[in-house]
């Protein structure tokens, strides 16, 4: 799994830890969110991404999390107050993934999700991984961003509406993915 795909999966997983029914999930503030993901895997560096979030993106992510119930043999999540706990068993890449998560949401302006995952057989050489995703609201979305824009650590922009539409259709990522912005070449020296 590429680092970009892993970040997208981790982003959805952080939201997937929330219950699927709209009445049950805590509402996150609309605007620009900064997410930091770290892992205990030595080959994985902490990374940071941003997402332009609104009610439509949040609902779509929660609905997708609910749809995962059909692909996982165990999909349990209970939320009480601002704390949620999840227990999932899913098939992933020829491996069985067992994942336990806890999520704490603070006033809809920040959250922290801890995910403890095992893979049997090991996935990409790893049998166990602990991941922490922290996120916080940092203000309004940037000019030109549309709801669902996820800016990855390498600068590439993907739109979660497009990703989720592709996942639902079975055709991968729908829509467009913007390439990594390139720095202009320095002027030629004479």
N, C-alpha and C. Protein backbone atom coordinates (compact mmCIF):
# COMPACT_ATOMS: atom_id res chain seq x y z
N UNK A 1 0.85 -1.16 0.00
CA UNK A 1 0.00 0.00 0.00
C UNK A 1 0.90 1.23 0.00
N UNK A 2 0.67 2.14 -0.94
CA UNK A 2 1.51 3.33 -1.03
C UNK A 2 1.23 4.26 0.14
N UNK A 3 2.21 5.15 0.46
CA UNK A 3 1.97 6.09 1.56
C UNK A 3 0.74 6.96 1.33
N UNK A 4 0.47 7.35 0.06
CA UNK A 4 -0.70 8.18 -0.23
C UNK A 4 -1.96 7.39 0.06
N UNK A 5 -2.03 6.14 -0.43
CA UNK A 5 -3.22 5.31 -0.19
C UNK A 5 -3.38 5.04 1.29
N UNK A 6 -2.26 4.82 1.99
CA UNK A 6 -2.32 4.57 3.43
C UNK A 6 -2.90 5.77 4.16
N UNK A 7 -2.51 6.99 3.74
CA UNK A 7 -3.04 8.19 4.39
C UNK A 7 -4.53 8.33 4.12
N UNK A 8 -4.96 8.06 2.89
CA UNK A 8 -6.38 8.15 2.58
C UNK A 8 -7.15 7.14 3.42
N UNK A 9 -6.64 5.89 3.49
CA UNK A 9 -7.29 4.86 4.30
C UNK A 9 -7.32 5.29 5.76
N UNK A 10 -6.21 5.84 6.27
CA UNK A 10 -6.17 6.28 7.67
C UNK A 10 -7.15 7.43 7.91
N UNK A 11 -7.28 8.33 6.94
CA UNK A 11 -8.23 9.44 7.09
C UNK A 11 -9.65 8.93 7.17
N UNK A 12 -9.98 8.02 6.25
CA UNK A 12 -11.33 7.45 6.28
C UNK A 12 -11.52 6.63 7.55
N UNK A 13 -10.46 5.89 7.95
CA UNK A 13 -10.57 5.06 9.16
C UNK A 13 -10.79 5.93 10.39
N UNK A 14 -10.15 7.09 10.44
CA UNK A 14 -10.35 7.98 11.59
C UNK A 14 -11.81 8.39 11.67
N UNK A 15 -12.44 8.68 10.51
CA UNK A 15 -13.85 9.00 10.49
C UNK A 15 -14.69 7.75 10.66
N UNK A 16 -14.20 6.61 10.12
CA UNK A 16 -14.96 5.36 10.19
C UNK A 16 -15.13 4.91 11.63
N UNK A 17 -14.30 5.43 12.50
CA UNK A 17 -14.44 5.08 13.91
C UNK A 17 -15.73 5.65 14.49
N UNK A 18 -16.33 6.58 13.77
CA UNK A 18 -17.59 7.17 14.23
C UNK A 18 -18.77 6.33 13.76
N UNK A 19 -19.86 6.34 14.47
CA UNK A 19 -21.02 5.58 14.05
C UNK A 19 -21.61 6.13 12.76
N UNK A 20 -22.30 5.25 12.04
CA UNK A 20 -22.81 5.61 10.72
C UNK A 20 -24.09 6.43 10.78
N UNK A 21 -24.86 6.31 11.82
CA UNK A 21 -26.14 7.02 11.86
C UNK A 21 -25.91 8.49 12.19
N UNK A 22 -26.43 9.35 11.33
CA UNK A 22 -26.19 10.79 11.46
C UNK A 22 -26.56 11.32 12.84
N UNK A 23 -27.59 10.78 13.45
CA UNK A 23 -28.03 11.28 14.75
C UNK A 23 -27.03 10.95 15.85
N UNK A 24 -26.15 9.97 15.60
CA UNK A 24 -25.25 9.51 16.65
C UNK A 24 -23.86 10.14 16.63
N UNK A 25 -23.43 10.66 15.51
CA UNK A 25 -22.06 11.14 15.46
C UNK A 25 -21.94 12.59 15.90
N UNK A 26 -20.80 12.93 16.53
CA UNK A 26 -20.60 14.32 16.91
C UNK A 26 -20.31 15.16 15.68
N UNK A 27 -20.87 16.33 15.62
CA UNK A 27 -20.69 17.22 14.47
C UNK A 27 -19.36 17.95 14.60
N UNK A 28 -18.55 17.85 13.55
CA UNK A 28 -17.28 18.57 13.50
C UNK A 28 -17.51 19.91 12.81
N UNK A 29 -16.80 20.93 13.24
CA UNK A 29 -16.97 22.26 12.69
C UNK A 29 -16.52 22.29 11.23
N UNK A 30 -17.29 22.96 10.38
CA UNK A 30 -16.92 23.11 8.97
C UNK A 30 -15.71 24.01 8.85
N UNK A 31 -14.91 23.75 7.83
CA UNK A 31 -13.73 24.56 7.57
C UNK A 31 -12.51 23.69 7.31
N UNK A 32 -11.34 24.27 7.47
CA UNK A 32 -10.09 23.57 7.20
C UNK A 32 -9.63 22.82 8.45
N UNK A 33 -9.35 21.53 8.25
CA UNK A 33 -8.88 20.67 9.33
C UNK A 33 -7.47 20.21 9.00
N UNK A 34 -6.63 20.24 10.02
CA UNK A 34 -5.26 19.73 9.89
C UNK A 34 -5.22 18.40 10.64
N UNK A 35 -4.73 17.36 9.93
CA UNK A 35 -4.66 16.02 10.52
C UNK A 35 -3.20 15.57 10.54
N UNK A 36 -2.79 15.03 11.64
CA UNK A 36 -1.44 14.48 11.77
C UNK A 36 -1.58 13.00 12.09
N UNK A 37 -0.88 12.17 11.31
CA UNK A 37 -0.91 10.72 11.52
C UNK A 37 0.50 10.27 11.87
N UNK A 38 0.58 9.48 12.94
CA UNK A 38 1.87 8.89 13.31
C UNK A 38 1.64 7.41 13.58
N UNK A 39 2.71 6.65 13.47
CA UNK A 39 2.62 5.20 13.61
C UNK A 39 3.85 4.70 14.34
N UNK A 40 3.73 3.52 14.94
CA UNK A 40 4.88 2.92 15.61
C UNK A 40 5.78 2.16 14.62
N UNK A 41 5.41 2.12 13.35
CA UNK A 41 6.23 1.44 12.35
C UNK A 41 7.47 2.28 12.06
N UNK A 42 8.66 1.69 12.15
CA UNK A 42 9.88 2.46 11.95
C UNK A 42 10.04 2.99 10.52
N UNK A 43 9.37 2.37 9.55
CA UNK A 43 9.49 2.82 8.17
C UNK A 43 8.46 3.88 7.79
N UNK A 44 7.69 4.35 8.75
CA UNK A 44 6.66 5.33 8.50
C UNK A 44 6.95 6.61 9.27
N UNK A 45 7.08 7.71 8.53
CA UNK A 45 7.30 9.01 9.15
C UNK A 45 5.96 9.65 9.49
N UNK A 46 5.89 10.42 10.58
CA UNK A 46 4.65 11.16 10.84
C UNK A 46 4.35 12.05 9.63
N UNK A 47 3.09 12.21 9.33
CA UNK A 47 2.75 13.09 8.22
C UNK A 47 1.53 13.92 8.56
N UNK A 48 1.42 15.00 7.82
CA UNK A 48 0.35 15.96 8.07
C UNK A 48 -0.40 16.22 6.77
N UNK A 49 -1.69 16.30 6.87
CA UNK A 49 -2.53 16.60 5.71
C UNK A 49 -3.60 17.58 6.17
N UNK A 50 -4.23 18.22 5.21
CA UNK A 50 -5.35 19.11 5.54
C UNK A 50 -6.55 18.69 4.71
N UNK A 51 -7.75 18.96 5.26
CA UNK A 51 -8.98 18.66 4.54
C UNK A 51 -9.97 19.79 4.73
N UNK A 52 -10.60 20.17 3.63
CA UNK A 52 -11.68 21.15 3.67
C UNK A 52 -12.96 20.36 3.95
N UNK A 53 -13.51 20.55 5.13
CA UNK A 53 -14.63 19.75 5.61
C UNK A 53 -15.89 20.60 5.72
N UNK A 54 -16.99 20.05 5.24
CA UNK A 54 -18.30 20.67 5.49
C UNK A 54 -19.26 19.54 5.86
N UNK A 55 -20.52 19.89 6.09
CA UNK A 55 -21.49 18.89 6.51
C UNK A 55 -21.65 17.77 5.48
N UNK A 56 -21.58 18.12 4.18
CA UNK A 56 -21.78 17.10 3.14
C UNK A 56 -20.64 16.09 3.13
N UNK A 57 -19.41 16.54 3.34
CA UNK A 57 -18.26 15.63 3.37
C UNK A 57 -18.34 14.76 4.61
N UNK A 58 -18.65 15.39 5.73
CA UNK A 58 -18.74 14.63 6.97
C UNK A 58 -19.81 13.54 6.88
N UNK A 59 -20.98 13.89 6.33
CA UNK A 59 -22.04 12.90 6.19
C UNK A 59 -21.60 11.78 5.26
N UNK A 60 -20.96 12.12 4.16
CA UNK A 60 -20.53 11.10 3.20
C UNK A 60 -19.49 10.16 3.81
N UNK A 61 -18.57 10.71 4.61
CA UNK A 61 -17.57 9.87 5.28
C UNK A 61 -18.25 8.94 6.29
N UNK A 62 -19.21 9.46 7.04
CA UNK A 62 -19.91 8.63 8.02
C UNK A 62 -20.77 7.56 7.32
N UNK A 63 -21.40 7.95 6.20
CA UNK A 63 -22.18 6.97 5.44
C UNK A 63 -21.28 5.87 4.91
N UNK A 64 -20.09 6.23 4.43
CA UNK A 64 -19.14 5.24 3.92
C UNK A 64 -18.70 4.32 5.06
N UNK A 65 -18.51 4.90 6.24
CA UNK A 65 -18.13 4.08 7.40
C UNK A 65 -19.24 3.07 7.68
N UNK A 66 -20.49 3.49 7.56
CA UNK A 66 -21.60 2.56 7.76
C UNK A 66 -21.63 1.48 6.70
N UNK A 67 -21.27 1.85 5.46
CA UNK A 67 -21.25 0.85 4.38
C UNK A 67 -20.17 -0.19 4.60
N UNK A 68 -19.12 0.15 5.37
CA UNK A 68 -18.06 -0.80 5.66
C UNK A 68 -18.59 -1.98 6.47
N UNK A 69 -19.72 -1.80 7.13
CA UNK A 69 -20.29 -2.90 7.92
C UNK A 69 -20.48 -4.14 7.07
N UNK A 70 -20.80 -3.96 5.78
CA UNK A 70 -21.02 -5.09 4.90
C UNK A 70 -19.74 -5.79 4.48
N UNK A 71 -18.59 -5.12 4.59
CA UNK A 71 -17.33 -5.71 4.16
C UNK A 71 -16.52 -6.25 5.33
N UNK A 72 -16.94 -5.96 6.53
CA UNK A 72 -16.23 -6.42 7.72
C UNK A 72 -17.08 -7.45 8.45
N UNK A 73 -16.43 -8.52 8.93
CA UNK A 73 -17.19 -9.53 9.66
C UNK A 73 -17.56 -9.03 11.06
N UNK A 74 -16.84 -8.02 11.55
CA UNK A 74 -17.18 -7.40 12.83
C UNK A 74 -17.01 -5.89 12.64
N UNK A 75 -18.05 -5.14 12.99
CA UNK A 75 -18.04 -3.69 12.81
C UNK A 75 -18.85 -3.10 13.96
N UNK A 76 -18.18 -2.88 15.07
CA UNK A 76 -18.87 -2.36 16.25
C UNK A 76 -18.27 -1.02 16.64
N UNK A 77 -19.15 -0.10 16.95
CA UNK A 77 -18.69 1.18 17.47
C UNK A 77 -19.74 1.72 18.41
N UNK A 78 -19.28 2.16 19.56
CA UNK A 78 -20.19 2.74 20.55
C UNK A 78 -19.64 4.10 20.95
N UNK A 79 -20.52 5.08 20.95
CA UNK A 79 -20.12 6.43 21.34
C UNK A 79 -20.89 6.80 22.58
N UNK A 80 -20.20 7.35 23.57
CA UNK A 80 -20.83 7.82 24.78
C UNK A 80 -20.21 9.17 25.13
N UNK A 81 -21.02 10.20 25.12
CA UNK A 81 -20.49 11.53 25.35
C UNK A 81 -19.54 11.91 24.22
N UNK A 82 -18.31 12.26 24.59
CA UNK A 82 -17.33 12.65 23.57
C UNK A 82 -16.34 11.53 23.26
N UNK A 83 -16.57 10.33 23.78
CA UNK A 83 -15.62 9.22 23.61
C UNK A 83 -16.28 8.06 22.87
N UNK A 84 -15.56 7.55 21.88
CA UNK A 84 -16.05 6.40 21.13
C UNK A 84 -15.03 5.27 21.16
N UNK A 85 -15.53 4.05 21.08
CA UNK A 85 -14.68 2.85 21.03
C UNK A 85 -15.17 1.97 19.89
N UNK A 86 -14.20 1.45 19.11
CA UNK A 86 -14.53 0.60 17.98
C UNK A 86 -13.79 -0.71 18.02
N UNK A 87 -14.39 -1.72 17.40
CA UNK A 87 -13.79 -3.04 17.29
C UNK A 87 -14.19 -3.57 15.91
N UNK A 88 -13.19 -3.80 15.04
CA UNK A 88 -13.45 -4.16 13.66
C UNK A 88 -12.61 -5.37 13.26
N UNK A 89 -13.16 -6.23 12.42
CA UNK A 89 -12.44 -7.33 11.78
C UNK A 89 -12.82 -7.27 10.31
N UNK A 90 -11.82 -7.02 9.44
CA UNK A 90 -12.08 -6.83 8.02
C UNK A 90 -11.02 -7.55 7.18
N UNK A 91 -11.41 -7.92 5.97
CA UNK A 91 -10.46 -8.46 5.01
C UNK A 91 -9.77 -7.28 4.32
N UNK A 92 -8.45 -7.35 4.19
CA UNK A 92 -7.71 -6.25 3.58
C UNK A 92 -6.45 -6.79 2.92
N UNK A 93 -6.38 -6.69 1.61
CA UNK A 93 -5.18 -7.08 0.90
C UNK A 93 -4.76 -8.52 1.13
N UNK A 94 -5.70 -9.45 1.22
CA UNK A 94 -5.37 -10.86 1.45
C UNK A 94 -5.06 -11.19 2.89
N UNK A 95 -5.29 -10.25 3.78
CA UNK A 95 -5.01 -10.44 5.20
C UNK A 95 -6.28 -10.14 6.00
N UNK A 96 -6.35 -10.69 7.20
CA UNK A 96 -7.44 -10.33 8.11
C UNK A 96 -6.93 -9.24 9.04
N UNK A 97 -7.61 -8.11 9.01
CA UNK A 97 -7.23 -6.96 9.83
C UNK A 97 -8.15 -6.93 11.04
N UNK A 98 -7.56 -6.91 12.23
CA UNK A 98 -8.30 -6.74 13.48
C UNK A 98 -7.88 -5.39 14.06
N UNK A 99 -8.87 -4.54 14.31
CA UNK A 99 -8.55 -3.18 14.72
C UNK A 99 -9.43 -2.76 15.89
N UNK A 100 -8.81 -2.20 16.90
CA UNK A 100 -9.53 -1.61 18.03
C UNK A 100 -9.15 -0.13 18.04
N UNK A 101 -10.16 0.72 18.24
CA UNK A 101 -9.89 2.15 18.21
C UNK A 101 -10.61 2.87 19.34
N UNK A 102 -10.03 3.98 19.73
CA UNK A 102 -10.70 4.90 20.64
C UNK A 102 -10.61 6.28 20.02
N UNK A 103 -11.67 7.04 20.18
CA UNK A 103 -11.72 8.39 19.62
C UNK A 103 -12.28 9.33 20.68
N UNK A 104 -11.63 10.48 20.82
CA UNK A 104 -12.11 11.51 21.73
C UNK A 104 -12.29 12.78 20.92
N UNK A 105 -13.50 13.33 20.93
CA UNK A 105 -13.82 14.55 20.21
C UNK A 105 -13.99 15.67 21.23
N UNK A 106 -13.33 16.79 20.98
CA UNK A 106 -13.42 17.94 21.89
C UNK A 106 -14.18 19.08 21.23
N UNK A 107 -15.43 19.30 21.63
CA UNK A 107 -16.24 20.44 21.20
C UNK A 107 -16.33 20.59 19.68
N UNK A 108 -16.20 19.50 18.92
CA UNK A 108 -16.31 19.58 17.47
C UNK A 108 -15.18 20.32 16.81
N UNK A 109 -14.14 20.70 17.58
CA UNK A 109 -13.02 21.47 17.03
C UNK A 109 -11.72 20.68 16.99
N UNK A 110 -11.70 19.50 17.60
CA UNK A 110 -10.50 18.65 17.54
C UNK A 110 -10.89 17.23 17.93
N UNK A 111 -10.08 16.28 17.48
CA UNK A 111 -10.27 14.90 17.90
C UNK A 111 -8.94 14.17 17.87
N UNK A 112 -8.91 13.07 18.59
CA UNK A 112 -7.74 12.19 18.62
C UNK A 112 -8.27 10.76 18.52
N UNK A 113 -7.71 10.01 17.56
CA UNK A 113 -8.09 8.62 17.38
C UNK A 113 -6.85 7.76 17.51
N UNK A 114 -6.93 6.75 18.37
CA UNK A 114 -5.84 5.78 18.52
C UNK A 114 -6.35 4.46 17.98
N UNK A 115 -5.57 3.87 17.07
CA UNK A 115 -5.98 2.64 16.39
C UNK A 115 -4.89 1.60 16.59
N UNK A 116 -5.25 0.45 17.13
CA UNK A 116 -4.32 -0.66 17.35
C UNK A 116 -4.77 -1.78 16.40
N UNK A 117 -3.90 -2.13 15.43
CA UNK A 117 -4.28 -3.04 14.36
C UNK A 117 -3.31 -4.21 14.25
N UNK A 118 -3.86 -5.40 14.04
CA UNK A 118 -3.03 -6.57 13.74
C UNK A 118 -3.46 -7.12 12.38
N UNK A 119 -2.52 -7.75 11.68
CA UNK A 119 -2.76 -8.34 10.36
C UNK A 119 -2.32 -9.79 10.39
N UNK A 120 -3.20 -10.69 9.91
CA UNK A 120 -2.87 -12.11 9.85
C UNK A 120 -3.35 -12.67 8.51
N UNK A 121 -2.45 -13.07 7.62
CA UNK A 121 -1.00 -12.98 7.72
C UNK A 121 -0.55 -11.52 7.64
N UNK A 122 0.72 -11.26 7.98
CA UNK A 122 1.22 -9.89 7.94
C UNK A 122 0.93 -9.22 6.58
N UNK A 123 0.63 -7.94 6.63
CA UNK A 123 0.36 -7.14 5.43
C UNK A 123 1.58 -6.27 5.17
N UNK A 124 2.14 -6.40 3.97
CA UNK A 124 3.35 -5.65 3.60
C UNK A 124 4.45 -5.83 4.64
N UNK A 125 4.55 -7.06 5.18
CA UNK A 125 5.62 -7.37 6.12
C UNK A 125 5.35 -6.94 7.55
N UNK A 126 4.16 -6.45 7.83
CA UNK A 126 3.85 -5.97 9.18
C UNK A 126 2.68 -6.74 9.77
N UNK A 127 2.87 -7.24 10.99
CA UNK A 127 1.82 -7.98 11.68
C UNK A 127 1.05 -7.10 12.66
N UNK A 128 1.62 -5.96 13.04
CA UNK A 128 1.00 -5.12 14.06
C UNK A 128 1.34 -3.66 13.78
N UNK A 129 0.39 -2.78 14.06
CA UNK A 129 0.64 -1.35 13.89
C UNK A 129 -0.24 -0.58 14.86
N UNK A 130 0.36 0.40 15.49
CA UNK A 130 -0.40 1.37 16.30
C UNK A 130 -0.33 2.69 15.56
N UNK A 131 -1.49 3.31 15.38
CA UNK A 131 -1.59 4.57 14.67
C UNK A 131 -2.32 5.57 15.54
N UNK A 132 -1.87 6.81 15.51
CA UNK A 132 -2.55 7.90 16.20
C UNK A 132 -2.85 8.97 15.15
N UNK A 133 -4.11 9.36 15.07
CA UNK A 133 -4.52 10.46 14.19
C UNK A 133 -5.06 11.56 15.08
N UNK A 134 -4.44 12.73 15.00
CA UNK A 134 -4.96 13.89 15.72
C UNK A 134 -5.40 14.90 14.66
N UNK A 135 -6.46 15.60 14.94
CA UNK A 135 -6.96 16.58 13.99
C UNK A 135 -7.51 17.77 14.75
N UNK A 136 -7.38 18.92 14.10
CA UNK A 136 -7.92 20.14 14.71
C UNK A 136 -8.41 21.09 13.63
N UNK A 137 -9.44 21.83 13.96
CA UNK A 137 -9.99 22.84 13.07
C UNK A 137 -9.03 24.02 13.11
N UNK A 138 -8.60 24.50 11.92
CA UNK A 138 -7.62 25.60 11.89
C UNK A 138 -8.17 26.88 11.27
N UNK A 139 -9.45 26.86 10.83
CA UNK A 139 -10.04 28.07 10.27
C UNK A 139 -10.85 27.75 9.03
N UNK A 140 -11.04 28.78 8.21
CA UNK A 140 -11.81 28.62 6.97
C UNK A 140 -10.98 27.87 5.94
N UNK A 141 -11.66 27.19 5.02
CA UNK A 141 -10.96 26.54 3.91
C UNK A 141 -10.26 27.61 3.09
N UNK A 142 -9.17 27.23 2.44
CA UNK A 142 -8.40 28.18 1.64
C UNK A 142 -9.15 28.54 0.37
N UNK A 143 -8.86 29.72 -0.15
CA UNK A 143 -9.47 30.17 -1.40
C UNK A 143 -9.21 29.13 -2.49
N UNK A 144 -10.25 28.81 -3.24
CA UNK A 144 -10.12 27.85 -4.33
C UNK A 144 -10.34 26.40 -3.92
N UNK A 145 -10.38 26.13 -2.62
CA UNK A 145 -10.64 24.75 -2.19
C UNK A 145 -12.13 24.47 -2.27
N UNK A 146 -12.44 23.23 -2.56
CA UNK A 146 -13.84 22.82 -2.52
C UNK A 146 -14.01 21.80 -1.41
N UNK A 147 -15.21 21.69 -0.84
CA UNK A 147 -15.42 20.73 0.24
C UNK A 147 -14.95 19.34 -0.18
N UNK A 148 -14.21 18.70 0.70
CA UNK A 148 -13.68 17.36 0.42
C UNK A 148 -12.23 17.36 -0.04
N UNK A 149 -11.68 18.53 -0.38
CA UNK A 149 -10.28 18.57 -0.81
C UNK A 149 -9.37 18.13 0.32
N UNK A 150 -8.58 17.10 0.05
CA UNK A 150 -7.60 16.55 0.99
C UNK A 150 -6.23 16.83 0.39
N UNK A 151 -5.44 17.65 1.07
CA UNK A 151 -4.09 17.98 0.60
C UNK A 151 -3.13 17.08 1.38
N UNK A 152 -2.48 16.19 0.64
CA UNK A 152 -1.58 15.20 1.22
C UNK A 152 -0.22 15.82 1.56
N UNK A 153 0.58 15.12 2.36
CA UNK A 153 1.89 15.66 2.75
C UNK A 153 2.78 16.02 1.57
N UNK A 154 2.62 15.34 0.43
CA UNK A 154 3.46 15.65 -0.74
C UNK A 154 2.90 16.79 -1.57
N UNK A 155 1.78 17.39 -1.14
CA UNK A 155 1.19 18.52 -1.85
C UNK A 155 0.10 18.12 -2.83
N UNK A 156 -0.06 16.83 -3.09
CA UNK A 156 -1.09 16.35 -3.99
C UNK A 156 -2.46 16.57 -3.35
N UNK A 157 -3.43 16.99 -4.18
CA UNK A 157 -4.79 17.20 -3.70
C UNK A 157 -5.70 16.14 -4.27
N UNK A 158 -6.47 15.50 -3.39
CA UNK A 158 -7.49 14.53 -3.80
C UNK A 158 -8.79 15.01 -3.17
N UNK A 159 -9.89 14.72 -3.82
CA UNK A 159 -11.17 15.14 -3.26
C UNK A 159 -11.91 13.93 -2.71
N UNK A 160 -12.30 13.99 -1.44
CA UNK A 160 -12.94 12.86 -0.77
C UNK A 160 -14.29 12.52 -1.42
N UNK A 161 -15.04 13.53 -1.93
CA UNK A 161 -16.29 13.22 -2.63
C UNK A 161 -15.98 12.30 -3.82
N UNK A 162 -14.92 12.63 -4.58
CA UNK A 162 -14.53 11.84 -5.74
C UNK A 162 -14.06 10.44 -5.34
N UNK A 163 -13.25 10.38 -4.28
CA UNK A 163 -12.73 9.09 -3.81
C UNK A 163 -13.87 8.19 -3.38
N UNK A 164 -14.79 8.74 -2.60
CA UNK A 164 -15.90 7.93 -2.10
C UNK A 164 -16.87 7.55 -3.22
N UNK A 165 -17.07 8.44 -4.20
CA UNK A 165 -17.92 8.10 -5.35
C UNK A 165 -17.29 6.95 -6.12
N UNK A 166 -15.97 6.96 -6.28
CA UNK A 166 -15.28 5.87 -6.96
C UNK A 166 -15.37 4.57 -6.19
N UNK A 167 -15.25 4.65 -4.87
CA UNK A 167 -15.34 3.45 -4.05
C UNK A 167 -16.73 2.84 -4.14
N UNK A 168 -17.76 3.69 -4.14
CA UNK A 168 -19.14 3.20 -4.23
C UNK A 168 -19.40 2.54 -5.58
N UNK A 169 -18.81 3.10 -6.65
CA UNK A 169 -19.07 2.58 -7.99
C UNK A 169 -18.22 1.36 -8.31
N UNK A 170 -17.18 1.12 -7.49
CA UNK A 170 -16.28 0.00 -7.75
C UNK A 170 -15.25 0.31 -8.81
N UNK A 171 -15.11 1.60 -9.18
CA UNK A 171 -14.18 1.98 -10.23
C UNK A 171 -12.98 2.76 -9.71
N UNK A 172 -12.65 2.62 -8.45
CA UNK A 172 -11.51 3.35 -7.92
C UNK A 172 -11.85 4.80 -7.69
N UNK A 173 -10.86 5.67 -7.84
CA UNK A 173 -11.05 7.09 -7.58
C UNK A 173 -11.72 7.74 -8.78
N UNK A 174 -12.88 8.32 -8.56
CA UNK A 174 -13.57 9.04 -9.62
C UNK A 174 -13.07 10.47 -9.65
N UNK A 175 -13.39 11.19 -10.69
CA UNK A 175 -13.01 12.60 -10.77
C UNK A 175 -11.53 12.76 -11.03
N UNK A 176 -10.99 13.86 -10.56
CA UNK A 176 -9.60 14.16 -10.86
C UNK A 176 -8.77 14.20 -9.59
N UNK A 177 -7.51 13.93 -9.77
CA UNK A 177 -6.52 14.07 -8.71
C UNK A 177 -5.53 15.09 -9.21
N UNK A 178 -5.32 16.14 -8.45
CA UNK A 178 -4.39 17.17 -8.88
C UNK A 178 -2.97 16.71 -8.59
N UNK A 179 -2.07 16.91 -9.55
CA UNK A 179 -0.69 16.47 -9.34
C UNK A 179 0.00 17.30 -8.26
N UNK A 180 1.12 16.78 -7.82
CA UNK A 180 1.94 17.48 -6.83
C UNK A 180 2.40 18.79 -7.44
N UNK A 181 2.21 19.92 -6.73
CA UNK A 181 2.70 21.18 -7.28
C UNK A 181 4.22 21.15 -7.41
N UNK A 182 4.72 21.62 -8.52
CA UNK A 182 6.17 21.62 -8.74
C UNK A 182 6.70 23.03 -8.59
N UNK A 183 7.90 23.10 -8.02
CA UNK A 183 8.54 24.40 -7.90
C UNK A 183 9.06 24.80 -9.28
N UNK A 184 8.97 26.08 -9.63
CA UNK A 184 9.50 26.49 -10.93
C UNK A 184 11.01 26.25 -10.98
N UNK A 185 11.49 25.92 -12.16
CA UNK A 185 12.91 25.71 -12.34
C UNK A 185 13.64 27.03 -12.16
N UNK A 186 14.84 26.99 -11.56
CA UNK A 186 15.58 28.24 -11.40
C UNK A 186 15.99 28.76 -12.78
N UNK A 187 16.10 30.08 -12.91
CA UNK A 187 16.49 30.65 -14.20
C UNK A 187 17.89 30.15 -14.58
N UNK A 188 18.08 29.95 -15.87
CA UNK A 188 19.38 29.49 -16.37
C UNK A 188 20.40 30.59 -16.14
N UNK A 189 21.56 30.17 -15.70
CA UNK A 189 22.63 31.15 -15.47
C UNK A 189 23.42 31.34 -16.74
N UNK A 190 23.80 32.57 -16.98
CA UNK A 190 24.56 32.89 -18.19
C UNK A 190 26.02 32.95 -17.91
